[in-house]
N, C-alpha and C. Protein backbone atom coordinates (compact mmCIF):
# COMPACT_ATOMS: atom_id res chain seq x y z
N MET A 1 -96.77 188.54 48.96
CA MET A 1 -95.46 187.68 49.44
C MET A 1 -95.65 186.37 49.79
N THR A 2 -94.78 185.59 48.83
CA THR A 2 -94.80 184.03 49.34
C THR A 2 -93.73 183.62 50.76
N SER A 3 -93.72 182.47 50.87
CA SER A 3 -92.85 181.98 52.02
C SER A 3 -91.21 182.06 51.39
N SER A 4 -91.40 181.70 49.98
CA SER A 4 -90.07 181.80 49.36
C SER A 4 -89.59 182.86 48.64
N SER A 5 -90.36 184.15 49.15
CA SER A 5 -89.98 185.64 48.49
C SER A 5 -88.64 185.81 49.04
N PRO A 6 -88.45 185.57 50.28
CA PRO A 6 -87.05 186.09 50.83
C PRO A 6 -85.73 185.18 50.10
N THR A 7 -86.05 184.24 49.60
CA THR A 7 -84.97 183.53 49.03
C THR A 7 -84.80 183.94 47.62
N ILE A 8 -85.92 183.87 46.97
CA ILE A 8 -86.09 184.43 45.55
C ILE A 8 -85.20 185.71 45.60
N ARG A 9 -85.56 186.58 46.44
CA ARG A 9 -84.99 188.21 46.31
C ARG A 9 -83.52 188.03 46.67
N THR A 10 -83.15 187.31 47.39
CA THR A 10 -81.78 186.99 47.64
C THR A 10 -80.99 186.61 46.19
N LEU A 11 -81.75 185.46 45.66
CA LEU A 11 -81.18 184.93 44.60
C LEU A 11 -80.84 185.92 43.41
N ASN A 12 -82.31 186.71 43.03
CA ASN A 12 -82.23 187.96 42.56
C ASN A 12 -81.21 189.07 42.56
N ASP A 13 -81.60 189.41 43.93
CA ASP A 13 -80.18 190.58 44.20
C ASP A 13 -79.00 190.36 43.97
N ALA A 14 -78.42 188.79 44.06
CA ALA A 14 -77.32 188.14 43.79
C ALA A 14 -76.96 188.50 42.17
N LEU A 15 -77.81 188.22 41.34
CA LEU A 15 -77.81 188.18 40.09
C LEU A 15 -77.62 189.67 39.75
N ARG A 16 -78.46 190.81 40.02
CA ARG A 16 -78.62 191.86 39.51
C ARG A 16 -77.44 192.66 40.16
N THR A 17 -76.92 192.15 41.22
CA THR A 17 -75.70 193.24 41.49
C THR A 17 -74.28 192.78 41.13
N THR A 18 -74.40 190.96 41.07
CA THR A 18 -72.94 190.69 40.75
C THR A 18 -72.78 190.23 39.38
N PHE A 19 -73.96 189.81 38.73
CA PHE A 19 -74.27 189.24 37.43
C PHE A 19 -73.68 187.96 37.47
N THR A 20 -73.77 187.40 38.63
CA THR A 20 -73.59 185.75 38.76
C THR A 20 -74.64 185.12 39.25
N GLY A 21 -74.72 183.82 38.86
CA GLY A 21 -75.74 183.30 39.44
C GLY A 21 -77.06 183.33 38.32
N GLY A 22 -76.65 183.75 36.97
CA GLY A 22 -77.70 183.18 35.80
C GLY A 22 -76.97 184.13 34.50
N GLN A 23 -77.98 184.15 33.47
CA GLN A 23 -77.46 184.91 32.34
C GLN A 23 -77.85 186.25 32.42
N ILE A 24 -77.25 187.16 31.62
CA ILE A 24 -77.43 188.61 31.51
C ILE A 24 -77.93 188.84 29.96
N MET A 25 -78.81 189.48 29.54
CA MET A 25 -79.27 189.54 28.22
C MET A 25 -79.48 191.10 27.88
N LEU A 26 -78.72 191.53 27.18
CA LEU A 26 -78.88 192.84 26.64
C LEU A 26 -79.43 193.04 25.04
N THR A 27 -80.77 193.80 25.15
CA THR A 27 -81.43 193.86 23.75
C THR A 27 -80.61 194.52 22.42
N HIS A 28 -80.91 194.39 21.60
CA HIS A 28 -80.23 195.18 20.35
C HIS A 28 -80.24 196.67 20.67
N GLY A 29 -81.12 197.65 21.57
CA GLY A 29 -81.44 198.76 21.71
C GLY A 29 -80.58 199.12 22.73
N ILE A 30 -80.14 198.71 23.51
CA ILE A 30 -79.22 198.40 24.53
C ILE A 30 -77.60 198.59 24.09
N GLN A 31 -77.86 197.56 23.25
CA GLN A 31 -76.28 197.38 22.46
C GLN A 31 -76.25 198.56 21.60
N SER A 32 -76.91 199.20 21.10
CA SER A 32 -76.78 200.00 19.95
C SER A 32 -76.43 201.46 20.36
N LEU A 33 -76.72 201.61 21.95
CA LEU A 33 -76.14 202.73 22.75
C LEU A 33 -74.73 203.04 22.95
N GLY A 34 -73.86 202.08 22.57
CA GLY A 34 -72.52 202.06 22.57
C GLY A 34 -71.77 201.93 23.96
N GLY A 35 -70.77 201.45 24.06
CA GLY A 35 -69.90 200.66 25.17
C GLY A 35 -70.06 201.30 26.33
N ASP A 36 -69.86 203.02 26.46
CA ASP A 36 -69.97 203.71 27.33
C ASP A 36 -71.17 203.64 28.02
N ALA A 37 -72.09 203.72 27.22
CA ALA A 37 -73.72 203.87 27.74
C ALA A 37 -74.12 202.51 28.26
N VAL A 38 -73.85 201.41 27.66
CA VAL A 38 -73.63 199.85 28.37
C VAL A 38 -73.44 199.87 29.50
N ALA A 39 -72.02 200.27 29.66
CA ALA A 39 -71.11 200.36 31.01
C ALA A 39 -72.02 201.08 32.06
N ALA A 40 -72.70 202.30 31.67
CA ALA A 40 -73.29 203.10 33.00
C ALA A 40 -74.74 202.69 33.16
N ILE A 41 -75.52 201.72 32.06
CA ILE A 41 -76.67 201.16 32.58
C ILE A 41 -76.19 200.12 33.27
N LEU A 42 -75.30 199.32 33.27
CA LEU A 42 -75.00 198.42 33.81
C LEU A 42 -74.79 198.83 35.33
N SER A 43 -73.83 199.58 35.48
CA SER A 43 -73.86 200.25 36.89
C SER A 43 -74.96 200.38 37.56
N LYS A 44 -76.07 201.33 36.48
CA LYS A 44 -77.38 201.60 37.18
C LYS A 44 -78.32 200.54 37.72
N VAL A 45 -78.30 199.34 37.08
CA VAL A 45 -78.97 198.19 37.11
C VAL A 45 -78.29 197.55 38.44
N ARG A 46 -76.84 197.32 38.42
CA ARG A 46 -76.35 197.08 39.81
C ARG A 46 -76.74 197.54 41.07
N SER A 47 -76.65 198.95 40.95
CA SER A 47 -76.99 199.48 42.21
C SER A 47 -78.49 200.02 42.43
N PHE A 48 -79.34 199.69 41.38
CA PHE A 48 -80.70 200.23 41.48
C PHE A 48 -81.32 199.53 42.95
N ASN A 49 -81.84 200.04 43.71
CA ASN A 49 -82.36 199.75 45.28
C ASN A 49 -83.99 200.86 45.76
N ARG A 50 -84.61 201.10 44.58
CA ARG A 50 -85.61 201.94 44.74
C ARG A 50 -86.67 200.76 44.76
N PHE A 51 -86.83 199.74 45.34
CA PHE A 51 -88.00 198.96 45.44
C PHE A 51 -89.25 199.14 46.26
N ASN A 52 -90.63 198.96 45.77
CA ASN A 52 -91.51 199.42 46.67
C ASN A 52 -92.65 198.47 46.28
N GLU A 53 -93.66 198.54 46.87
CA GLU A 53 -95.17 198.04 46.89
C GLU A 53 -95.41 198.05 45.17
N ASP A 54 -95.49 199.27 44.74
CA ASP A 54 -95.76 199.43 43.55
C ASP A 54 -94.99 198.80 42.29
N ASN A 55 -93.78 198.65 42.65
CA ASN A 55 -92.76 198.14 41.55
C ASN A 55 -92.35 196.82 41.90
N ASP A 56 -92.63 196.20 42.92
CA ASP A 56 -92.28 194.94 43.67
C ASP A 56 -93.27 194.38 44.54
N PRO A 57 -94.52 194.14 44.08
CA PRO A 57 -95.35 193.62 44.87
C PRO A 57 -95.58 192.31 45.74
N TYR A 58 -94.55 191.41 44.93
CA TYR A 58 -93.98 190.12 45.49
C TYR A 58 -92.68 190.13 46.61
N GLY A 59 -92.07 191.27 46.62
CA GLY A 59 -90.75 191.14 47.34
C GLY A 59 -90.00 190.44 46.80
N GLU A 60 -89.48 190.25 45.52
CA GLU A 60 -88.50 189.33 44.89
C GLU A 60 -87.78 190.25 44.02
N HIS A 61 -87.68 191.58 44.12
CA HIS A 61 -86.55 192.29 43.38
C HIS A 61 -86.37 191.78 41.82
N ASP A 62 -87.23 191.39 41.46
CA ASP A 62 -87.26 190.84 39.97
C ASP A 62 -87.58 191.97 38.75
N PHE A 63 -88.14 193.03 39.03
CA PHE A 63 -88.06 194.24 37.84
C PHE A 63 -87.54 195.49 38.48
N GLY A 64 -87.09 196.63 37.72
CA GLY A 64 -86.72 197.57 37.76
C GLY A 64 -86.66 198.57 36.67
N ALA A 65 -86.63 199.89 36.80
CA ALA A 65 -86.26 200.87 35.62
C ALA A 65 -85.50 201.83 35.84
N VAL A 66 -84.63 202.33 35.10
CA VAL A 66 -83.74 203.52 35.40
C VAL A 66 -83.68 204.50 34.38
N ASP A 67 -83.28 205.55 34.41
CA ASP A 67 -83.00 206.49 33.18
C ASP A 67 -81.59 206.50 32.99
N HIS A 68 -81.26 206.59 31.49
CA HIS A 68 -80.14 207.11 31.07
C HIS A 68 -79.95 207.59 29.85
N ALA A 69 -79.71 209.04 29.97
CA ALA A 69 -79.35 209.78 29.06
C ALA A 69 -80.76 209.97 27.98
N GLY A 70 -81.84 210.34 28.78
CA GLY A 70 -83.22 210.42 28.34
C GLY A 70 -83.81 209.32 27.84
N ASN A 71 -83.54 208.01 27.99
CA ASN A 71 -83.71 206.56 27.30
C ASN A 71 -84.19 206.31 29.16
N LYS A 72 -85.71 205.58 28.86
CA LYS A 72 -85.97 204.70 30.06
C LYS A 72 -85.53 203.51 29.80
N VAL A 73 -84.88 202.81 30.69
CA VAL A 73 -84.40 201.54 30.34
C VAL A 73 -84.84 200.55 31.56
N ILE A 74 -85.64 199.48 31.27
CA ILE A 74 -86.06 198.53 32.42
C ILE A 74 -85.26 197.35 32.09
N TRP A 75 -85.41 196.57 33.26
CA TRP A 75 -84.80 195.18 33.47
C TRP A 75 -85.71 194.41 34.25
N LYS A 76 -85.82 193.18 33.82
CA LYS A 76 -86.43 192.02 34.34
C LYS A 76 -85.75 190.77 34.80
N ILE A 77 -85.96 189.87 35.66
CA ILE A 77 -85.53 188.59 36.00
C ILE A 77 -86.59 187.60 35.59
N ALA A 78 -86.27 186.76 34.57
CA ALA A 78 -87.22 185.46 34.57
C ALA A 78 -86.93 184.21 34.92
N TYR A 79 -87.48 183.24 35.51
CA TYR A 79 -87.18 182.05 36.06
C TYR A 79 -87.36 180.88 35.00
N TYR A 80 -86.62 180.24 34.39
CA TYR A 80 -86.86 179.36 33.66
C TYR A 80 -86.14 177.68 34.34
N ASP A 81 -86.49 176.76 33.47
CA ASP A 81 -86.08 175.61 33.95
C ASP A 81 -84.62 175.61 33.62
N PRO A 82 -83.84 174.67 34.11
CA PRO A 82 -82.33 174.41 33.49
C PRO A 82 -82.05 174.20 32.14
N THR A 83 -83.01 173.75 31.61
CA THR A 83 -82.84 173.79 29.93
C THR A 83 -83.21 175.11 28.99
N LEU A 84 -83.70 176.00 29.83
CA LEU A 84 -84.17 177.08 29.00
C LEU A 84 -85.50 176.84 28.34
N THR A 85 -86.28 175.79 28.37
CA THR A 85 -87.40 175.76 27.41
C THR A 85 -88.64 175.66 28.09
N SER A 86 -89.05 175.90 29.45
CA SER A 86 -89.89 176.35 30.00
C SER A 86 -89.89 176.94 31.63
N GLY A 87 -90.76 177.42 31.89
CA GLY A 87 -90.80 178.01 33.14
C GLY A 87 -90.27 177.09 34.28
N SER A 88 -89.48 177.84 35.48
CA SER A 88 -89.25 176.90 36.70
C SER A 88 -90.35 176.57 37.43
N ASP A 89 -90.33 175.23 38.16
CA ASP A 89 -90.77 175.06 38.81
C ASP A 89 -91.03 175.50 40.28
N ASP A 90 -89.68 175.78 40.43
CA ASP A 90 -89.34 176.40 41.97
C ASP A 90 -88.30 177.26 41.79
N PRO A 91 -88.69 178.66 41.58
CA PRO A 91 -87.83 179.81 41.16
C PRO A 91 -86.81 180.02 42.80
N ALA A 92 -87.27 179.44 43.71
CA ALA A 92 -86.67 179.64 44.95
C ALA A 92 -85.26 178.43 45.02
N ASP A 93 -85.47 177.40 44.31
CA ASP A 93 -84.31 176.49 44.26
C ASP A 93 -83.44 176.65 42.92
N PRO A 94 -82.07 177.41 43.09
CA PRO A 94 -81.06 177.36 42.23
C PRO A 94 -80.84 176.31 41.42
N VAL A 95 -81.08 175.08 41.84
CA VAL A 95 -80.62 173.84 40.98
C VAL A 95 -81.77 173.50 39.81
N LYS A 96 -83.04 173.84 40.27
CA LYS A 96 -84.25 173.99 39.25
C LYS A 96 -84.34 175.25 38.31
N THR A 97 -83.53 176.14 38.68
CA THR A 97 -83.80 177.61 38.07
C THR A 97 -83.00 178.14 37.45
N ALA A 98 -82.94 178.40 35.95
CA ALA A 98 -81.83 179.39 35.43
C ALA A 98 -82.63 180.71 35.49
N ARG A 99 -81.94 181.56 35.98
CA ARG A 99 -82.26 183.06 35.96
C ARG A 99 -81.78 183.81 34.63
N VAL A 100 -82.61 184.52 34.20
CA VAL A 100 -82.17 185.43 33.08
C VAL A 100 -82.31 186.86 33.37
N LEU A 101 -81.54 187.81 33.47
CA LEU A 101 -81.78 189.08 33.48
C LEU A 101 -81.76 189.92 32.46
N THR A 102 -82.93 190.15 31.90
CA THR A 102 -82.69 190.84 30.26
C THR A 102 -83.00 192.58 30.63
N ILE A 103 -82.23 193.30 30.02
CA ILE A 103 -82.11 194.65 30.01
C ILE A 103 -82.43 195.21 28.67
N MET A 104 -83.51 196.14 28.82
CA MET A 104 -83.89 196.53 27.61
C MET A 104 -84.16 197.95 27.62
N LEU A 105 -84.64 198.93 26.65
CA LEU A 105 -84.97 200.15 26.31
C LEU A 105 -86.67 199.71 26.67
N ALA A 106 -87.26 200.59 27.50
CA ALA A 106 -88.47 200.47 27.82
C ALA A 106 -89.38 200.30 26.14
N GLU A 107 -88.96 201.08 25.27
CA GLU A 107 -89.87 200.67 23.78
C GLU A 107 -89.59 199.65 23.14
N GLU A 108 -88.62 198.61 23.62
CA GLU A 108 -88.38 197.44 23.07
C GLU A 108 -89.35 196.38 23.93
N TYR A 109 -90.04 197.05 25.00
CA TYR A 109 -90.88 195.96 25.55
C TYR A 109 -92.29 195.57 24.81
């Protein structure tokens, strides 16, 4: 954990739980499951809170996995510069960082 991890965690939790403060990307595999499944998966991602040292070693709440109807679904938050052309220089600074939450089937990773 770094000194900026608590700030990054707060920003990541805000994106994941409210879907504000960044972009949400759903892969083709998720979209192909249909509207009801997508709604259920989004709800599971929003309410995910099973962070531990194994799946969150830096304490940033930037990755998780949920199950839905026999499918393993993973989500990941990436940090880009505001133009989305390279990585962010400072993920703790929302002015310098565009957050992208991608939700995908594990088999698409």
